[in-house]
Amino acid sequence: MAEGDESGFLESYTLFLMAMASANVSAEFHRIAADQGLSVPEWRVLACLHDRKAASVTDLARLSLMEQSRLTHLIGRMQARGLVDRKRSSRNRRNVEVTLTPTGATLAADLVAQAKAHEKAAILDRLGAEDTRVFHDLLRKLMADPAG
């Protein structure tokens, strides 16, 4: 520690702070998803597909922060539950596209509405409009490709 610096490594380590903040504000919503019988990865898939008509397994893996082979198994379980369908892409026969079933779309829409309400209470109301705007800008900056 530098002289005059009373905090330890973790208290000032940005990646730790980001992970802990995410875990802290996400925990309540993850319980809401669990009450619907969904794991966090399943919720992420539903949320990703809520915004798209279809997505490739590759895109879903990237967006849901999952390894592709693990996601393939998860999609199989979700398909067995009637939440998603998968089929070969009409544009590229090597790709598999995943879509929401009507049941999955209804569940996704309901959870997205609950996620927005949770986000408002857990983050937006706490930060206020200006800090939220700055925070979102900073997060987008961190998510941007550093190569350009």
Protein backbone atom coordinates (compact mmCIF):
# COMPACT_ATOMS: atom_id res chain seq x y z
CA MET A 1 0.00 0.00 0.00
CA ALA A 2 1.17 3.48 -0.78
CA GLU A 3 1.69 5.80 2.14
CA GLY A 4 -1.61 7.45 3.08
CA ASP A 5 -3.62 4.76 1.27
CA GLU A 6 -5.71 3.05 3.95
CA SER A 7 -7.66 0.79 1.60
CA GLY A 8 -6.59 -2.68 0.61
CA PHE A 9 -6.31 -4.09 -2.87
CA LEU A 10 -9.91 -5.27 -3.23
CA GLU A 11 -11.46 -2.04 -1.99
CA SER A 12 -9.90 -0.20 -4.92
CA TYR A 13 -9.68 -2.96 -7.56
CA THR A 14 -12.10 -1.92 -10.30
CA LEU A 15 -12.88 -5.41 -11.57
CA PHE A 16 -13.69 -6.63 -8.06
CA LEU A 17 -15.89 -3.59 -7.41
CA MET A 18 -17.75 -4.11 -10.71
CA ALA A 19 -18.32 -7.81 -9.98
CA MET A 20 -19.49 -7.17 -6.43
CA ALA A 21 -21.81 -4.35 -7.49
CA SER A 22 -23.30 -6.56 -10.19
CA ALA A 23 -23.77 -9.46 -7.79
CA ASN A 24 -25.29 -7.15 -5.17
CA VAL A 25 -27.89 -5.55 -7.42
CA SER A 26 -28.61 -8.73 -9.41
CA ALA A 27 -29.27 -11.09 -6.50
CA GLU A 28 -32.89 -10.05 -5.93
CA PHE A 29 -33.78 -10.32 -9.61
CA HIS A 30 -32.05 -13.68 -9.88
CA ARG A 31 -34.41 -14.89 -7.13
CA ILE A 32 -37.35 -13.66 -9.23
CA ALA A 33 -36.05 -15.66 -12.20
CA ALA A 34 -35.50 -18.70 -9.96
CA ASP A 35 -39.11 -18.44 -8.78
CA GLN A 36 -40.03 -18.93 -12.45
CA GLY A 37 -37.83 -22.05 -12.57
CA LEU A 38 -35.01 -20.34 -14.46
CA SER A 39 -31.30 -20.32 -13.86
CA VAL A 40 -29.37 -17.11 -14.51
CA PRO A 41 -28.05 -18.44 -17.86
CA GLU A 42 -31.60 -19.37 -18.93
CA TRP A 43 -32.80 -15.87 -18.02
CA ARG A 44 -29.97 -14.39 -20.08
CA VAL A 45 -30.98 -16.48 -23.11
CA LEU A 46 -34.62 -15.40 -22.76
CA ALA A 47 -33.57 -11.75 -22.41
CA CYS A 48 -31.34 -11.97 -25.49
CA LEU A 49 -34.09 -13.57 -27.56
CA HIS A 50 -36.67 -11.08 -26.30
CA ASP A 51 -34.81 -8.41 -28.28
CA ARG A 52 -34.39 -10.51 -31.45
CA LYS A 53 -36.58 -12.68 -33.65
CA ALA A 54 -33.79 -15.26 -33.80
CA ALA A 55 -30.17 -15.59 -32.75
CA SER A 56 -27.45 -18.03 -33.62
CA VAL A 57 -26.00 -20.19 -30.89
CA THR A 58 -22.70 -18.36 -31.40
CA ASP A 59 -24.34 -14.96 -30.84
CA LEU A 60 -26.28 -16.23 -27.84
CA ALA A 61 -23.10 -17.62 -26.29
CA ARG A 62 -21.41 -14.23 -26.61
CA LEU A 63 -24.41 -12.27 -25.34
CA SER A 64 -25.27 -14.62 -22.48
CA LEU A 65 -21.63 -14.93 -21.36
CA MET A 66 -21.57 -18.71 -21.79
CA GLU A 67 -19.27 -21.21 -23.41
CA GLN A 68 -20.93 -22.44 -26.61
CA SER A 69 -21.04 -26.17 -25.81
CA ARG A 70 -22.58 -25.46 -22.38
CA LEU A 71 -25.12 -23.17 -24.03
CA THR A 72 -26.05 -25.90 -26.52
CA HIS A 73 -26.99 -28.20 -23.63
CA LEU A 74 -28.90 -25.39 -21.91
CA ILE A 75 -30.86 -24.66 -25.09
CA GLY A 76 -31.75 -28.35 -25.30
CA ARG A 77 -33.20 -28.21 -21.78
CA MET A 78 -35.07 -24.99 -22.59
CA GLN A 79 -36.42 -26.56 -25.77
CA ALA A 80 -37.65 -29.59 -23.80
CA ARG A 81 -39.49 -27.16 -21.48
CA GLY A 82 -41.16 -25.50 -24.48
CA LEU A 83 -39.39 -22.14 -24.10
CA VAL A 84 -37.30 -22.10 -27.29
CA ASP A 85 -37.10 -23.72 -30.70
CA ARG A 86 -33.97 -24.28 -32.73
CA LYS A 87 -33.51 -24.92 -36.41
CA ARG A 88 -30.91 -24.62 -39.12
CA SER A 89 -30.46 -21.09 -40.37
CA SER A 90 -32.01 -20.39 -43.76
CA ARG A 91 -29.10 -18.02 -44.49
CA ASN A 92 -26.28 -20.36 -43.47
CA ARG A 93 -27.08 -24.07 -43.12
CA ARG A 94 -24.09 -24.54 -40.79
CA ASN A 95 -25.62 -22.23 -38.18
CA VAL A 96 -28.41 -23.04 -35.77
CA GLU A 97 -30.94 -20.30 -35.00
CA VAL A 98 -32.78 -20.18 -31.71
CA THR A 99 -36.19 -18.52 -31.33
CA LEU A 100 -38.66 -18.12 -28.50
CA THR A 101 -41.80 -20.21 -28.52
CA PRO A 102 -45.03 -18.38 -27.65
CA THR A 103 -44.65 -19.69 -24.08
CA GLY A 104 -41.03 -18.51 -23.97
CA ALA A 105 -41.96 -15.12 -25.42
CA THR A 106 -44.67 -14.61 -22.78
CA LEU A 107 -42.28 -15.58 -19.98
CA ALA A 108 -39.51 -13.40 -21.41
CA ALA A 109 -41.81 -10.37 -21.72
CA ASP A 110 -43.01 -10.81 -18.14
CA LEU A 111 -39.47 -11.15 -16.80
CA VAL A 112 -38.19 -8.20 -18.86
CA ALA A 113 -40.91 -6.04 -17.30
CA GLN A 114 -39.89 -7.28 -13.84
CA ALA A 115 -36.20 -6.73 -14.68
CA LYS A 116 -36.91 -3.13 -15.68
CA ALA A 117 -38.79 -2.51 -12.44
CA HIS A 118 -35.98 -4.10 -10.46
CA GLU A 119 -33.35 -2.07 -12.33
CA LYS A 120 -35.26 1.13 -11.57
CA ALA A 121 -35.44 0.41 -7.84
CA ALA A 122 -32.00 -1.16 -7.42
CA ILE A 123 -29.96 1.16 -9.64
CA LEU A 124 -31.66 4.01 -11.47
CA ASP A 125 -33.48 5.54 -8.50
CA ARG A 126 -30.34 5.20 -6.38
CA LEU A 127 -28.05 6.85 -8.93
CA GLY A 128 -30.38 9.46 -10.39
CA ALA A 129 -30.71 10.42 -14.05
CA GLU A 130 -27.36 12.16 -14.57
CA ASP A 131 -25.23 9.56 -12.76
CA THR A 132 -27.09 6.80 -14.62
CA ARG A 133 -26.32 8.44 -17.96
CA VAL A 134 -22.64 8.82 -17.04
CA PHE A 135 -22.51 5.28 -15.67
CA HIS A 136 -24.02 3.83 -18.86
CA ASP A 137 -21.60 5.84 -20.99
CA LEU A 138 -18.67 4.53 -18.94
CA LEU A 139 -19.89 0.94 -19.18
CA ARG A 140 -20.28 1.25 -22.97
CA LYS A 141 -16.78 2.69 -23.14
CA LEU A 142 -15.43 -0.32 -21.23
CA MET A 143 -17.38 -2.71 -23.45
CA ALA A 144 -16.11 -1.15 -26.68
CA ASP A 145 -13.48 -2.97 -28.66
CA PRO A 146 -10.13 -1.40 -27.64
CA ALA A 147 -8.80 -2.12 -31.13
CA GLY A 148 -11.21 0.32 -32.59
